[in-house]
């Protein structure tokens, strides 16, 4: 199992949620409004000087589903460009509660 961490510009919220439902249905945790500064997308601090915000999702999936989700996220990033802000990575999941 893998944890898929997805961080993205909130303008892509509907796209990310649809992609998650299509590729790897199941539960997730979502942080709907975060501030940050991307190396290419620049600051999104959710204020009048640096408008915009980010969101994040944590989804735990089997290895195959995690790989499929990462491939779709890469395709989305390639399509919208790096300035819009889509970043994702996986971490191994050692144990979970049953």
C-alpha atoms as a PDB file:
ATOM      1  CA  UNK A   1       0.000   0.000   0.000  1.00  0.00           C
ATOM      2  CA  UNK A   2       0.986   3.570  -0.644  1.00  0.00           C
ATOM      3  CA  UNK A   3      -0.086   6.956   0.603  1.00  0.00           C
ATOM      4  CA  UNK A   4      -0.575   9.355  -2.305  1.00  0.00           C
ATOM      5  CA  UNK A   5      -0.073  12.982  -1.287  1.00  0.00           C
ATOM      6  CA  UNK A   6      -1.558  15.501  -3.730  1.00  0.00           C
ATOM      7  CA  UNK A   7      -1.015  19.254  -3.394  1.00  0.00           C
ATOM      8  CA  UNK A   8      -2.641  21.553  -5.923  1.00  0.00           C
ATOM      9  CA  UNK A   9      -4.022  24.972  -6.795  1.00  0.00           C
ATOM     10  CA  UNK A  10      -7.653  25.131  -5.617  1.00  0.00           C
ATOM     11  CA  UNK A  11      -8.788  26.108  -9.109  1.00  0.00           C
ATOM     12  CA  UNK A  12      -8.170  22.438  -9.988  1.00  0.00           C
ATOM     13  CA  UNK A  13     -10.279  21.070  -7.117  1.00  0.00           C
ATOM     14  CA  UNK A  14     -13.073  19.593  -9.261  1.00  0.00           C
ATOM     15  CA  UNK A  15     -10.549  18.070 -11.691  1.00  0.00           C
ATOM     16  CA  UNK A  16      -8.529  16.442  -8.907  1.00  0.00           C
ATOM     17  CA  UNK A  17     -11.607  15.054  -7.127  1.00  0.00           C
ATOM     18  CA  UNK A  18     -12.993  13.643 -10.400  1.00  0.00           C
ATOM     19  CA  UNK A  19      -9.649  12.088 -11.267  1.00  0.00           C
ATOM     20  CA  UNK A  20      -9.434  10.513  -7.811  1.00  0.00           C
ATOM     21  CA  UNK A  21     -12.951   9.059  -8.111  1.00  0.00           C
ATOM     22  CA  UNK A  22     -12.261   7.643 -11.584  1.00  0.00           C
ATOM     23  CA  UNK A  23      -8.790   6.235 -10.979  1.00  0.00           C
ATOM     24  CA  UNK A  24      -8.745   5.127  -7.372  1.00  0.00           C
ATOM     25  CA  UNK A  25     -12.161   5.280  -5.698  1.00  0.00           C
ATOM     26  CA  UNK A  26     -12.160   5.126  -1.925  1.00  0.00           C
ATOM     27  CA  UNK A  27     -11.727   7.357   1.071  1.00  0.00           C
ATOM     28  CA  UNK A  28      -9.396  10.293   1.362  1.00  0.00           C
ATOM     29  CA  UNK A  29      -8.569  13.200   3.635  1.00  0.00           C
ATOM     30  CA  UNK A  30      -8.712  16.683   2.152  1.00  0.00           C
ATOM     31  CA  UNK A  31      -7.321  19.937   3.437  1.00  0.00           C
ATOM     32  CA  UNK A  32      -9.437  22.444   1.464  1.00  0.00           C
ATOM     33  CA  UNK A  33      -7.452  25.670   1.866  1.00  0.00           C
ATOM     34  CA  UNK A  34      -3.709  25.963   2.393  1.00  0.00           C
ATOM     35  CA  UNK A  35      -1.186  28.733   1.831  1.00  0.00           C
ATOM     36  CA  UNK A  36       2.200  28.096   0.289  1.00  0.00           C
ATOM     37  CA  UNK A  37       4.917  29.095  -2.135  1.00  0.00           C
ATOM     38  CA  UNK A  38       5.776  26.832  -5.043  1.00  0.00           C
ATOM     39  CA  UNK A  39       9.169  26.910  -6.750  1.00  0.00           C
ATOM     40  CA  UNK A  40       7.510  27.538 -10.127  1.00  0.00           C
ATOM     41  CA  UNK A  41       3.951  28.580  -9.313  1.00  0.00           C
ATOM     42  CA  UNK A  42       4.960  31.252  -6.798  1.00  0.00           C
ATOM     43  CA  UNK A  43       3.245  32.297  -3.573  1.00  0.00           C
ATOM     44  CA  UNK A  44      -0.412  31.597  -2.912  1.00  0.00           C
ATOM     45  CA  UNK A  45      -0.925  33.046   0.530  1.00  0.00           C
ATOM     46  CA  UNK A  46      -4.696  33.623   0.331  1.00  0.00           C
ATOM     47  CA  UNK A  47      -4.454  37.356   1.026  1.00  0.00           C
ATOM     48  CA  UNK A  48      -4.808  40.601  -0.929  1.00  0.00           C
ATOM     49  CA  UNK A  49      -1.082  40.761  -1.755  1.00  0.00           C
ATOM     50  CA  UNK A  50      -0.633  37.106  -2.779  1.00  0.00           C
ATOM     51  CA  UNK A  51      -4.109  35.854  -3.757  1.00  0.00           C
ATOM     52  CA  UNK A  52      -4.966  32.242  -4.367  1.00  0.00           C
ATOM     53  CA  UNK A  53      -4.709  29.153  -2.228  1.00  0.00           C
ATOM     54  CA  UNK A  54      -3.842  25.491  -2.460  1.00  0.00           C
ATOM     55  CA  UNK A  55      -5.519  22.306  -1.294  1.00  0.00           C
ATOM     56  CA  UNK A  56      -4.153  18.895  -0.380  1.00  0.00           C
ATOM     57  CA  UNK A  57      -5.433  15.328  -0.413  1.00  0.00           C
ATOM     58  CA  UNK A  58      -4.071  12.214   1.253  1.00  0.00           C
ATOM     59  CA  UNK A  59      -5.356   8.950  -0.232  1.00  0.00           C
ATOM     60  CA  UNK A  60      -4.136   5.484   0.764  1.00  0.00           C
ATOM     61  CA  UNK A  61      -4.379   2.947  -2.047  1.00  0.00           C
ATOM     62  CA  UNK A  62      -2.954  -0.360  -3.181  1.00  0.00           C
ATOM     63  CA  UNK A  63       0.247  -0.192  -5.221  1.00  0.00           C
ATOM     64  CA  UNK A  64      -1.468  -0.592  -8.617  1.00  0.00           C
ATOM     65  CA  UNK A  65      -4.139   2.017  -7.866  1.00  0.00           C
ATOM     66  CA  UNK A  66      -1.515   4.429  -6.521  1.00  0.00           C
ATOM     67  CA  UNK A  67       0.564   4.052  -9.693  1.00  0.00           C
ATOM     68  CA  UNK A  68      -2.481   4.609 -11.915  1.00  0.00           C
ATOM     69  CA  UNK A  69      -3.416   7.699  -9.907  1.00  0.00           C
ATOM     70  CA  UNK A  70       0.127   9.099 -10.168  1.00  0.00           C
ATOM     71  CA  UNK A  71       0.097   8.552 -13.958  1.00  0.00           C
ATOM     72  CA  UNK A  72      -3.195  10.457 -14.291  1.00  0.00           C
ATOM     73  CA  UNK A  73      -1.901  13.248 -12.055  1.00  0.00           C
ATOM     74  CA  UNK A  74       1.211  13.546 -14.233  1.00  0.00           C
ATOM     75  CA  UNK A  75      -0.992  13.786 -17.332  1.00  0.00           C
ATOM     76  CA  UNK A  76      -3.043  16.526 -15.663  1.00  0.00           C
ATOM     77  CA  UNK A  77       0.121  18.423 -14.707  1.00  0.00           C
ATOM     78  CA  UNK A  78       1.457  18.100 -18.244  1.00  0.00           C
ATOM     79  CA  UNK A  79      -1.843  19.422 -19.580  1.00  0.00           C
ATOM     80  CA  UNK A  80      -2.292  22.446 -17.307  1.00  0.00           C
ATOM     81  CA  UNK A  81       1.369  23.410 -16.990  1.00  0.00           C
ATOM     82  CA  UNK A  82       3.542  23.804 -13.946  1.00  0.00           C
ATOM     83  CA  UNK A  83       2.509  27.368 -13.123  1.00  0.00           C
ATOM     84  CA  UNK A  84      -0.977  26.185 -12.145  1.00  0.00           C
ATOM     85  CA  UNK A  85       0.466  24.035  -9.402  1.00  0.00           C
ATOM     86  CA  UNK A  86      -0.005  20.265  -9.189  1.00  0.00           C
ATOM     87  CA  UNK A  87       2.428  18.242  -7.115  1.00  0.00           C
ATOM     88  CA  UNK A  88       2.122  14.652  -5.888  1.00  0.00           C
ATOM     89  CA  UNK A  89       4.292  12.002  -4.295  1.00  0.00           C
ATOM     90  CA  UNK A  90       3.878   8.629  -2.636  1.00  0.00           C
ATOM     91  CA  UNK A  91       5.099   7.215   0.644  1.00  0.00           C
ATOM     92  CA  UNK A  92       4.938   3.593   1.771  1.00  0.00           C
ATOM     93  CA  UNK A  93       2.253   2.541   4.234  1.00  0.00           C
ATOM     94  CA  UNK A  94       3.607  -0.008   6.698  1.00  0.00           C
ATOM     95  CA  UNK A  95       0.622  -0.749   8.881  1.00  0.00           C
ATOM     96  CA  UNK A  96      -3.002   0.292   9.080  1.00  0.00           C
ATOM     97  CA  UNK A  97      -5.771  -0.327  11.552  1.00  0.00           C
ATOM     98  CA  UNK A  98      -8.316  -2.964  10.605  1.00  0.00           C
END
